[in-house]
All heavy atoms as atom14 arrays in JSON, in Angstrom:
{
  "sequence": "AVASKKAEADRFAAQVKPVIAQIRAAGATSLREIARALDARGVRT",
  "atom14_mask": [
    [1, 1, 1, 1, 1, 0, 0, 0, 0, 0, 0, 0, 0, 0],
    [1, 1, 1, 1, 1, 1, 1, 0, 0, 0, 0, 0, 0, 0],
    [1, 1, 1, 1, 1, 0, 0, 0, 0, 0, 0, 0, 0, 0],
    [1, 1, 1, 1, 1, 1, 0, 0, 0, 0, 0, 0, 0, 0],
    [1, 1, 1, 1, 1, 1, 1, 1, 1, 0, 0, 0, 0, 0],
    [1, 1, 1, 1, 1, 1, 1, 1, 1, 0, 0, 0, 0, 0],
    [1, 1, 1, 1, 1, 0, 0, 0, 0, 0, 0, 0, 0, 0],
    [1, 1, 1, 1, 1, 1, 1, 1, 1, 0, 0, 0, 0, 0],
    [1, 1, 1, 1, 1, 0, 0, 0, 0, 0, 0, 0, 0, 0],
    [1, 1, 1, 1, 1, 1, 1, 1, 0, 0, 0, 0, 0, 0],
    [1, 1, 1, 1, 1, 1, 1, 1, 1, 1, 1, 0, 0, 0],
    [1, 1, 1, 1, 1, 1, 1, 1, 1, 1, 1, 0, 0, 0],
    [1, 1, 1, 1, 1, 0, 0, 0, 0, 0, 0, 0, 0, 0],
    [1, 1, 1, 1, 1, 0, 0, 0, 0, 0, 0, 0, 0, 0],
    [1, 1, 1, 1, 1, 1, 1, 1, 1, 0, 0, 0, 0, 0],
    [1, 1, 1, 1, 1, 1, 1, 0, 0, 0, 0, 0, 0, 0],
    [1, 1, 1, 1, 1, 1, 1, 1, 1, 0, 0, 0, 0, 0],
    [1, 1, 1, 1, 1, 1, 1, 0, 0, 0, 0, 0, 0, 0],
    [1, 1, 1, 1, 1, 1, 1, 0, 0, 0, 0, 0, 0, 0],
    [1, 1, 1, 1, 1, 1, 1, 1, 0, 0, 0, 0, 0, 0],
    [1, 1, 1, 1, 1, 0, 0, 0, 0, 0, 0, 0, 0, 0],
    [1, 1, 1, 1, 1, 1, 1, 1, 1, 0, 0, 0, 0, 0],
    [1, 1, 1, 1, 1, 1, 1, 1, 0, 0, 0, 0, 0, 0],
    [1, 1, 1, 1, 1, 1, 1, 1, 1, 1, 1, 0, 0, 0],
    [1, 1, 1, 1, 1, 0, 0, 0, 0, 0, 0, 0, 0, 0],
    [1, 1, 1, 1, 1, 0, 0, 0, 0, 0, 0, 0, 0, 0],
    [1, 1, 1, 1, 0, 0, 0, 0, 0, 0, 0, 0, 0, 0],
    [1, 1, 1, 1, 1, 0, 0, 0, 0, 0, 0, 0, 0, 0],
    [1, 1, 1, 1, 1, 1, 1, 0, 0, 0, 0, 0, 0, 0],
    [1, 1, 1, 1, 1, 1, 0, 0, 0, 0, 0, 0, 0, 0],
    [1, 1, 1, 1, 1, 1, 1, 1, 0, 0, 0, 0, 0, 0],
    [1, 1, 1, 1, 1, 1, 1, 1, 1, 1, 1, 0, 0, 0],
    [1, 1, 1, 1, 1, 1, 1, 1, 1, 0, 0, 0, 0, 0],
    [1, 1, 1, 1, 1, 1, 1, 1, 0, 0, 0, 0, 0, 0],
    [1, 1, 1, 1, 1, 0, 0, 0, 0, 0, 0, 0, 0, 0],
    [1, 1, 1, 1, 1, 1, 1, 1, 1, 1, 1, 0, 0, 0],
    [1, 1, 1, 1, 1, 0, 0, 0, 0, 0, 0, 0, 0, 0],
    [1, 1, 1, 1, 1, 1, 1, 1, 0, 0, 0, 0, 0, 0],
    [1, 1, 1, 1, 1, 1, 1, 1, 0, 0, 0, 0, 0, 0],
    [1, 1, 1, 1, 1, 0, 0, 0, 0, 0, 0, 0, 0, 0],
    [1, 1, 1, 1, 1, 1, 1, 1, 1, 1, 1, 0, 0, 0],
    [1, 1, 1, 1, 0, 0, 0, 0, 0, 0, 0, 0, 0, 0],
    [1, 1, 1, 1, 1, 1, 1, 0, 0, 0, 0, 0, 0, 0],
    [1, 1, 1, 1, 1, 1, 1, 1, 1, 1, 1, 0, 0, 0],
    [1, 1, 1, 1, 1, 1, 1, 0, 0, 0, 0, 0, 0, 0]
  ],
  "atom14_positions": [
    [[107.84, 112.97, 104.26], [106.97, 113.34, 103.06], [107.56, 112.81, 101.81], [106.77, 112.32, 100.95], [106.76, 114.81, 103.06], [0.0, 0.0, 0.0], [0.0, 0.0, 0.0], [0.0, 0.0, 0.0], [0.0, 0.0, 0.0], [0.0, 0.0, 0.0], [0.0, 0.0, 0.0], [0.0, 0.0, 0.0], [0.0, 0.0, 0.0], [0.0, 0.0, 0.0]],
    [[108.94, 112.96, 101.59], [109.44, 112.49, 100.35], [109.34, 110.95, 100.25], [109.09, 110.44, 99.2], [110.98, 112.91, 100.31], [111.67, 112.33, 99.2], [111.12, 114.38, 100.11], [0.0, 0.0, 0.0], [0.0, 0.0, 0.0], [0.0, 0.0, 0.0], [0.0, 0.0, 0.0], [0.0, 0.0, 0.0], [0.0, 0.0, 0.0], [0.0, 0.0, 0.0]],
    [[109.64, 110.33, 101.35], [109.51, 108.8, 101.46], [108.13, 108.36, 101.06], [107.86, 107.44, 100.28], [110.02, 108.25, 102.72], [0.0, 0.0, 0.0], [0.0, 0.0, 0.0], [0.0, 0.0, 0.0], [0.0, 0.0, 0.0], [0.0, 0.0, 0.0], [0.0, 0.0, 0.0], [0.0, 0.0, 0.0], [0.0, 0.0, 0.0], [0.0, 0.0, 0.0]],
    [[107.17, 109.04, 101.58], [105.7, 108.71, 101.42], [105.36, 108.94, 99.89], [104.65, 108.03, 99.35], [104.83, 109.54, 102.27], [103.52, 109.32, 102.11], [0.0, 0.0, 0.0], [0.0, 0.0, 0.0], [0.0, 0.0, 0.0], [0.0, 0.0, 0.0], [0.0, 0.0, 0.0], [0.0, 0.0, 0.0], [0.0, 0.0, 0.0], [0.0, 0.0, 0.0]],
    [[105.83, 110.04, 99.39], [105.56, 110.33, 97.9], [106.13, 109.25, 97.1], [105.55, 108.91, 95.99], [106.01, 111.75, 97.64], [105.58, 112.25, 96.24], [105.97, 113.67, 96.04], [105.6, 114.23, 94.69], [106.01, 115.62, 94.5], [0.0, 0.0, 0.0], [0.0, 0.0, 0.0], [0.0, 0.0, 0.0], [0.0, 0.0, 0.0], [0.0, 0.0, 0.0]],
    [[107.32, 108.88, 97.32], [108.18, 107.97, 96.53], [107.25, 106.62, 96.63], [107.17, 105.92, 95.57], [109.52, 107.73, 97.05], [110.22, 106.74, 96.24], [111.75, 106.62, 96.77], [112.59, 105.67, 95.91], [111.95, 104.26, 95.99], [0.0, 0.0, 0.0], [0.0, 0.0, 0.0], [0.0, 0.0, 0.0], [0.0, 0.0, 0.0], [0.0, 0.0, 0.0]],
    [[106.92, 106.24, 97.85], [106.2, 104.91, 97.96], [104.85, 104.89, 97.2], [104.52, 103.92, 96.55], [105.98, 104.58, 99.44], [0.0, 0.0, 0.0], [0.0, 0.0, 0.0], [0.0, 0.0, 0.0], [0.0, 0.0, 0.0], [0.0, 0.0, 0.0], [0.0, 0.0, 0.0], [0.0, 0.0, 0.0], [0.0, 0.0, 0.0], [0.0, 0.0, 0.0]],
    [[104.2, 106.09, 97.21], [103.03, 106.22, 96.45], [103.19, 106.12, 94.94], [102.4, 105.41, 94.15], [102.28, 107.53, 96.85], [100.93, 107.7, 96.18], [100.3, 109.07, 96.61], [100.78, 109.63, 97.5], [99.26, 109.42, 95.93], [0.0, 0.0, 0.0], [0.0, 0.0, 0.0], [0.0, 0.0, 0.0], [0.0, 0.0, 0.0], [0.0, 0.0, 0.0]],
    [[104.36, 106.73, 94.49], [104.64, 106.65, 93.05], [104.96, 105.23, 92.69], [104.62, 104.72, 91.45], [105.74, 107.62, 92.72], [0.0, 0.0, 0.0], [0.0, 0.0, 0.0], [0.0, 0.0, 0.0], [0.0, 0.0, 0.0], [0.0, 0.0, 0.0], [0.0, 0.0, 0.0], [0.0, 0.0, 0.0], [0.0, 0.0, 0.0], [0.0, 0.0, 0.0]],
    [[105.77, 104.59, 93.61], [106.09, 103.11, 93.28], [104.83, 102.23, 93.14], [104.68, 101.36, 92.21], [106.91, 102.55, 94.38], [108.38, 103.12, 94.28], [108.78, 103.68, 93.18], [109.15, 103.09, 95.29], [0.0, 0.0, 0.0], [0.0, 0.0, 0.0], [0.0, 0.0, 0.0], [0.0, 0.0, 0.0], [0.0, 0.0, 0.0], [0.0, 0.0, 0.0]],
    [[103.82, 102.47, 94.05], [102.61, 101.67, 94.05], [101.77, 101.92, 92.75], [101.29, 100.96, 92.08], [101.78, 101.98, 95.24], [102.18, 101.38, 96.6], [101.15, 101.46, 97.69], [100.88, 102.87, 97.96], [101.43, 103.6, 98.82], [102.42, 103.12, 99.56], [101.07, 104.8, 99.1], [0.0, 0.0, 0.0], [0.0, 0.0, 0.0], [0.0, 0.0, 0.0]],
    [[101.75, 103.17, 92.29], [101.07, 103.5, 91.14], [101.68, 102.89, 89.9], [100.96, 102.34, 89.02], [100.96, 105.05, 90.96], [100.25, 105.54, 89.83], [98.86, 105.54, 89.75], [100.87, 105.91, 88.62], [98.16, 105.87, 88.64], [100.14, 106.34, 87.5], [98.85, 106.28, 87.53], [0.0, 0.0, 0.0], [0.0, 0.0, 0.0], [0.0, 0.0, 0.0]],
    [[102.94, 102.95, 89.82], [103.67, 102.39, 88.73], [103.45, 100.81, 88.63], [103.34, 100.33, 87.59], [105.28, 102.61, 88.8], [0.0, 0.0, 0.0], [0.0, 0.0, 0.0], [0.0, 0.0, 0.0], [0.0, 0.0, 0.0], [0.0, 0.0, 0.0], [0.0, 0.0, 0.0], [0.0, 0.0, 0.0], [0.0, 0.0, 0.0], [0.0, 0.0, 0.0]],
    [[103.43, 100.19, 89.81], [103.21, 98.73, 89.79], [101.86, 98.45, 89.37], [101.61, 97.34, 88.79], [103.53, 98.27, 91.35], [0.0, 0.0, 0.0], [0.0, 0.0, 0.0], [0.0, 0.0, 0.0], [0.0, 0.0, 0.0], [0.0, 0.0, 0.0], [0.0, 0.0, 0.0], [0.0, 0.0, 0.0], [0.0, 0.0, 0.0], [0.0, 0.0, 0.0]],
    [[100.84, 99.24, 89.63], [99.52, 99.01, 89.33], [99.23, 99.24, 87.71], [98.54, 98.5, 87.14], [98.49, 99.85, 90.01], [98.46, 99.61, 91.47], [97.69, 100.76, 92.33], [97.38, 101.73, 91.72], [97.5, 100.46, 93.55], [0.0, 0.0, 0.0], [0.0, 0.0, 0.0], [0.0, 0.0, 0.0], [0.0, 0.0, 0.0], [0.0, 0.0, 0.0]],
    [[99.96, 100.25, 87.2], [99.75, 100.56, 85.81], [100.61, 99.63, 84.9], [100.24, 99.39, 83.68], [100.02, 101.96, 85.58], [100.04, 102.39, 84.12], [99.16, 102.96, 86.36], [0.0, 0.0, 0.0], [0.0, 0.0, 0.0], [0.0, 0.0, 0.0], [0.0, 0.0, 0.0], [0.0, 0.0, 0.0], [0.0, 0.0, 0.0], [0.0, 0.0, 0.0]],
    [[101.7, 99.13, 85.3], [102.67, 98.44, 84.48], [101.88, 97.21, 83.85], [102.23, 96.95, 82.57], [103.83, 97.85, 85.4], [104.76, 97.1, 84.56], [105.46, 97.95, 83.44], [106.4, 97.19, 82.46], [107.55, 96.64, 83.17], [0.0, 0.0, 0.0], [0.0, 0.0, 0.0], [0.0, 0.0, 0.0], [0.0, 0.0, 0.0], [0.0, 0.0, 0.0]],
    [[101.15, 96.39, 84.5], [100.44, 95.28, 83.89], [99.47, 95.71, 82.65], [99.34, 95.11, 81.65], [99.59, 94.6, 84.96], [100.29, 94.97, 86.2], [100.88, 96.3, 85.97], [0.0, 0.0, 0.0], [0.0, 0.0, 0.0], [0.0, 0.0, 0.0], [0.0, 0.0, 0.0], [0.0, 0.0, 0.0], [0.0, 0.0, 0.0], [0.0, 0.0, 0.0]],
    [[98.87, 96.89, 82.92], [97.92, 97.55, 81.9], [98.81, 97.81, 80.63], [98.37, 97.57, 79.48], [97.15, 98.79, 82.39], [96.3, 99.19, 81.33], [96.46, 98.37, 83.61], [0.0, 0.0, 0.0], [0.0, 0.0, 0.0], [0.0, 0.0, 0.0], [0.0, 0.0, 0.0], [0.0, 0.0, 0.0], [0.0, 0.0, 0.0], [0.0, 0.0, 0.0]],
    [[99.9, 98.5, 80.87], [100.86, 98.82, 79.74], [101.34, 97.59, 79.0], [101.39, 97.45, 77.83], [102.07, 99.59, 80.3], [101.52, 100.99, 80.86], [103.12, 99.88, 79.1], [102.64, 101.76, 81.44], [0.0, 0.0, 0.0], [0.0, 0.0, 0.0], [0.0, 0.0, 0.0], [0.0, 0.0, 0.0], [0.0, 0.0, 0.0], [0.0, 0.0, 0.0]],
    [[101.6, 96.48, 79.83], [102.04, 95.18, 79.19], [100.94, 94.73, 78.26], [101.21, 94.16, 77.2], [102.38, 94.23, 80.34], [0.0, 0.0, 0.0], [0.0, 0.0, 0.0], [0.0, 0.0, 0.0], [0.0, 0.0, 0.0], [0.0, 0.0, 0.0], [0.0, 0.0, 0.0], [0.0, 0.0, 0.0], [0.0, 0.0, 0.0], [0.0, 0.0, 0.0]],
    [[99.59, 94.77, 78.68], [98.55, 94.24, 77.86], [98.47, 95.21, 76.58], [98.2, 94.7, 75.5], [97.18, 94.47, 78.66], [97.1, 93.49, 79.86], [95.84, 93.76, 80.65], [95.06, 94.65, 80.33], [95.66, 92.97, 81.76], [0.0, 0.0, 0.0], [0.0, 0.0, 0.0], [0.0, 0.0, 0.0], [0.0, 0.0, 0.0], [0.0, 0.0, 0.0]],
    [[98.65, 96.45, 76.8], [98.5, 97.37, 75.56], [99.64, 96.85, 74.53], [99.42, 96.94, 73.29], [98.69, 98.86, 75.94], [97.37, 99.16, 76.78], [98.79, 99.71, 74.72], [97.42, 100.54, 77.38], [0.0, 0.0, 0.0], [0.0, 0.0, 0.0], [0.0, 0.0, 0.0], [0.0, 0.0, 0.0], [0.0, 0.0, 0.0], [0.0, 0.0, 0.0]],
    [[100.87, 96.73, 75.02], [101.9, 96.29, 74.1], [101.59, 94.97, 73.54], [101.91, 94.83, 72.36], [103.2, 96.2, 75.03], [103.94, 97.51, 75.35], [105.3, 97.33, 75.92], [105.92, 98.57, 76.27], [106.62, 99.39, 75.38], [106.58, 99.1, 74.11], [107.1, 100.55, 75.91], [0.0, 0.0, 0.0], [0.0, 0.0, 0.0], [0.0, 0.0, 0.0]],
    [[101.13, 94.12, 74.35], [100.78, 92.74, 73.78], [99.65, 92.92, 72.57], [99.68, 92.04, 71.71], [100.17, 91.85, 74.82], [0.0, 0.0, 0.0], [0.0, 0.0, 0.0], [0.0, 0.0, 0.0], [0.0, 0.0, 0.0], [0.0, 0.0, 0.0], [0.0, 0.0, 0.0], [0.0, 0.0, 0.0], [0.0, 0.0, 0.0], [0.0, 0.0, 0.0]],
    [[98.87, 93.97, 72.67], [97.79, 94.21, 71.68], [98.34, 94.8, 70.38], [97.51, 94.91, 69.46], [96.71, 94.98, 72.31], [0.0, 0.0, 0.0], [0.0, 0.0, 0.0], [0.0, 0.0, 0.0], [0.0, 0.0, 0.0], [0.0, 0.0, 0.0], [0.0, 0.0, 0.0], [0.0, 0.0, 0.0], [0.0, 0.0, 0.0], [0.0, 0.0, 0.0]],
    [[99.64, 95.19, 70.45], [100.23, 95.64, 69.23], [100.72, 97.09, 69.26], [101.38, 97.53, 68.24], [0.0, 0.0, 0.0], [0.0, 0.0, 0.0], [0.0, 0.0, 0.0], [0.0, 0.0, 0.0], [0.0, 0.0, 0.0], [0.0, 0.0, 0.0], [0.0, 0.0, 0.0], [0.0, 0.0, 0.0], [0.0, 0.0, 0.0], [0.0, 0.0, 0.0]],
    [[100.63, 97.74, 70.33], [101.2, 99.22, 70.45], [102.59, 99.06, 70.61], [103.24, 98.27, 71.4], [100.59, 99.71, 71.63], [0.0, 0.0, 0.0], [0.0, 0.0, 0.0], [0.0, 0.0, 0.0], [0.0, 0.0, 0.0], [0.0, 0.0, 0.0], [0.0, 0.0, 0.0], [0.0, 0.0, 0.0], [0.0, 0.0, 0.0], [0.0, 0.0, 0.0]],
    [[103.35, 99.88, 69.82], [104.84, 99.85, 69.78], [105.51, 101.14, 70.24], [106.65, 101.02, 70.78], [105.37, 99.57, 68.38], [104.91, 100.57, 67.44], [104.83, 98.23, 67.95], [0.0, 0.0, 0.0], [0.0, 0.0, 0.0], [0.0, 0.0, 0.0], [0.0, 0.0, 0.0], [0.0, 0.0, 0.0], [0.0, 0.0, 0.0], [0.0, 0.0, 0.0]],
    [[104.81, 102.21, 70.17], [105.38, 103.42, 70.69], [104.81, 104.0, 71.94], [103.72, 103.63, 72.29], [105.28, 104.55, 69.54], [103.87, 104.98, 69.5], [0.0, 0.0, 0.0], [0.0, 0.0, 0.0], [0.0, 0.0, 0.0], [0.0, 0.0, 0.0], [0.0, 0.0, 0.0], [0.0, 0.0, 0.0], [0.0, 0.0, 0.0], [0.0, 0.0, 0.0]],
    [[105.56, 104.74, 72.72], [105.07, 105.33, 73.79], [103.9, 106.24, 73.69], [102.93, 106.26, 74.49], [106.22, 106.23, 74.54], [107.39, 105.38, 75.06], [108.55, 106.35, 75.41], [107.04, 104.39, 76.12], [0.0, 0.0, 0.0], [0.0, 0.0, 0.0], [0.0, 0.0, 0.0], [0.0, 0.0, 0.0], [0.0, 0.0, 0.0], [0.0, 0.0, 0.0]],
    [[103.81, 106.89, 72.55], [102.6, 107.75, 72.17], [101.46, 106.94, 72.01], [100.25, 107.25, 72.51], [103.0, 108.59, 71.07], [101.99, 109.6, 70.73], [102.4, 110.63, 69.61], [103.54, 111.3, 70.0], [104.22, 112.11, 69.25], [103.91, 112.29, 67.94], [105.33, 112.78, 69.66], [0.0, 0.0, 0.0], [0.0, 0.0, 0.0], [0.0, 0.0, 0.0]],
    [[101.61, 105.82, 71.43], [100.46, 104.93, 71.19], [99.87, 104.32, 72.55], [98.67, 104.21, 72.79], [100.85, 103.68, 70.28], [100.94, 104.08, 68.79], [101.43, 102.86, 67.98], [102.14, 102.08, 68.53], [101.11, 103.01, 66.78], [0.0, 0.0, 0.0], [0.0, 0.0, 0.0], [0.0, 0.0, 0.0], [0.0, 0.0, 0.0], [0.0, 0.0, 0.0]],
    [[100.86, 104.03, 73.42], [100.46, 103.48, 74.74], [99.71, 104.57, 75.58], [98.78, 104.26, 76.25], [101.74, 103.01, 75.5], [102.43, 101.8, 74.82], [101.42, 102.72, 76.93], [103.72, 101.38, 75.35], [0.0, 0.0, 0.0], [0.0, 0.0, 0.0], [0.0, 0.0, 0.0], [0.0, 0.0, 0.0], [0.0, 0.0, 0.0], [0.0, 0.0, 0.0]],
    [[100.18, 105.87, 75.36], [99.55, 106.89, 76.16], [98.1, 107.13, 75.75], [97.16, 107.13, 76.4], [100.34, 108.19, 75.84], [0.0, 0.0, 0.0], [0.0, 0.0, 0.0], [0.0, 0.0, 0.0], [0.0, 0.0, 0.0], [0.0, 0.0, 0.0], [0.0, 0.0, 0.0], [0.0, 0.0, 0.0], [0.0, 0.0, 0.0], [0.0, 0.0, 0.0]],
    [[97.93, 106.99, 74.28], [96.57, 107.14, 73.81], [95.65, 105.81, 74.22], [94.48, 106.12, 74.6], [96.58, 107.09, 72.28], [97.12, 108.56, 71.73], [96.66, 108.74, 70.29], [97.36, 107.73, 69.4], [98.45, 107.99, 68.73], [98.98, 109.15, 68.87], [99.07, 107.02, 67.99], [0.0, 0.0, 0.0], [0.0, 0.0, 0.0], [0.0, 0.0, 0.0]],
    [[96.32, 104.72, 74.18], [95.49, 103.6, 74.67], [95.14, 103.64, 76.23], [93.98, 103.24, 76.5], [96.33, 102.33, 74.4], [0.0, 0.0, 0.0], [0.0, 0.0, 0.0], [0.0, 0.0, 0.0], [0.0, 0.0, 0.0], [0.0, 0.0, 0.0], [0.0, 0.0, 0.0], [0.0, 0.0, 0.0], [0.0, 0.0, 0.0], [0.0, 0.0, 0.0]],
    [[95.98, 104.14, 77.01], [95.62, 104.33, 78.48], [94.5, 105.35, 78.57], [93.63, 105.11, 79.4], [96.96, 104.9, 79.13], [98.0, 103.71, 79.5], [99.32, 104.42, 79.92], [97.57, 102.71, 80.52], [0.0, 0.0, 0.0], [0.0, 0.0, 0.0], [0.0, 0.0, 0.0], [0.0, 0.0, 0.0], [0.0, 0.0, 0.0], [0.0, 0.0, 0.0]],
    [[94.58, 106.5, 77.83], [93.58, 107.37, 77.96], [92.08, 106.76, 77.47], [91.13, 107.03, 78.05], [93.74, 108.52, 77.14], [94.91, 109.46, 77.56], [95.05, 109.41, 78.9], [95.61, 110.16, 76.81], [0.0, 0.0, 0.0], [0.0, 0.0, 0.0], [0.0, 0.0, 0.0], [0.0, 0.0, 0.0], [0.0, 0.0, 0.0], [0.0, 0.0, 0.0]],
    [[92.21, 105.97, 76.47], [90.96, 105.35, 75.85], [90.45, 104.28, 76.89], [89.21, 104.23, 76.91], [91.36, 104.6, 74.59], [0.0, 0.0, 0.0], [0.0, 0.0, 0.0], [0.0, 0.0, 0.0], [0.0, 0.0, 0.0], [0.0, 0.0, 0.0], [0.0, 0.0, 0.0], [0.0, 0.0, 0.0], [0.0, 0.0, 0.0], [0.0, 0.0, 0.0]],
    [[91.27, 103.68, 77.69], [90.79, 102.7, 78.63], [90.24, 103.42, 79.98], [89.84, 102.87, 80.91], [91.87, 101.75, 79.04], [92.29, 100.83, 77.83], [93.19, 99.8, 78.4], [93.52, 98.84, 77.13], [94.07, 97.64, 77.52], [94.13, 97.08, 78.72], [94.35, 96.93, 76.48], [0.0, 0.0, 0.0], [0.0, 0.0, 0.0], [0.0, 0.0, 0.0]],
    [[90.42, 104.82, 80.03], [89.99, 105.55, 81.19], [91.05, 105.46, 82.34], [90.65, 105.79, 83.46], [0.0, 0.0, 0.0], [0.0, 0.0, 0.0], [0.0, 0.0, 0.0], [0.0, 0.0, 0.0], [0.0, 0.0, 0.0], [0.0, 0.0, 0.0], [0.0, 0.0, 0.0], [0.0, 0.0, 0.0], [0.0, 0.0, 0.0], [0.0, 0.0, 0.0]],
    [[92.32, 105.09, 81.92], [93.28, 105.1, 83.11], [93.92, 106.49, 83.14], [94.25, 106.96, 82.22], [94.41, 104.01, 82.69], [95.57, 104.1, 83.84], [93.89, 102.68, 82.54], [0.0, 0.0, 0.0], [0.0, 0.0, 0.0], [0.0, 0.0, 0.0], [0.0, 0.0, 0.0], [0.0, 0.0, 0.0], [0.0, 0.0, 0.0], [0.0, 0.0, 0.0]],
    [[93.89, 107.04, 84.22], [94.46, 108.37, 84.53], [95.83, 108.36, 85.08], [96.18, 107.34, 85.74], [93.48, 109.28, 85.36], [92.13, 109.52, 84.66], [92.41, 110.51, 83.51], [91.1, 110.81, 82.75], [90.83, 110.34, 81.59], [91.58, 109.46, 80.96], [89.69, 110.7, 81.09], [0.0, 0.0, 0.0], [0.0, 0.0, 0.0], [0.0, 0.0, 0.0]],
    [[96.6, 109.46, 84.94], [97.89, 109.53, 85.58], [97.71, 109.58, 86.96], [96.55, 109.8, 87.5], [98.66, 110.71, 84.98], [97.84, 111.94, 85.4], [98.73, 110.77, 83.46], [0.0, 0.0, 0.0], [0.0, 0.0, 0.0], [0.0, 0.0, 0.0], [0.0, 0.0, 0.0], [0.0, 0.0, 0.0], [0.0, 0.0, 0.0], [0.0, 0.0, 0.0]]
  ]
}
């Protein structure tokens, strides 16, 4: 169960990382700004 949960978290992080990179490229510099941008794009945790 622990291994499955870790694998799922890894897959989720891999999927979200490119979106975060795009947000940074658009000018976001702080983690809080990135969090707001993810919410605005409809990306959920």
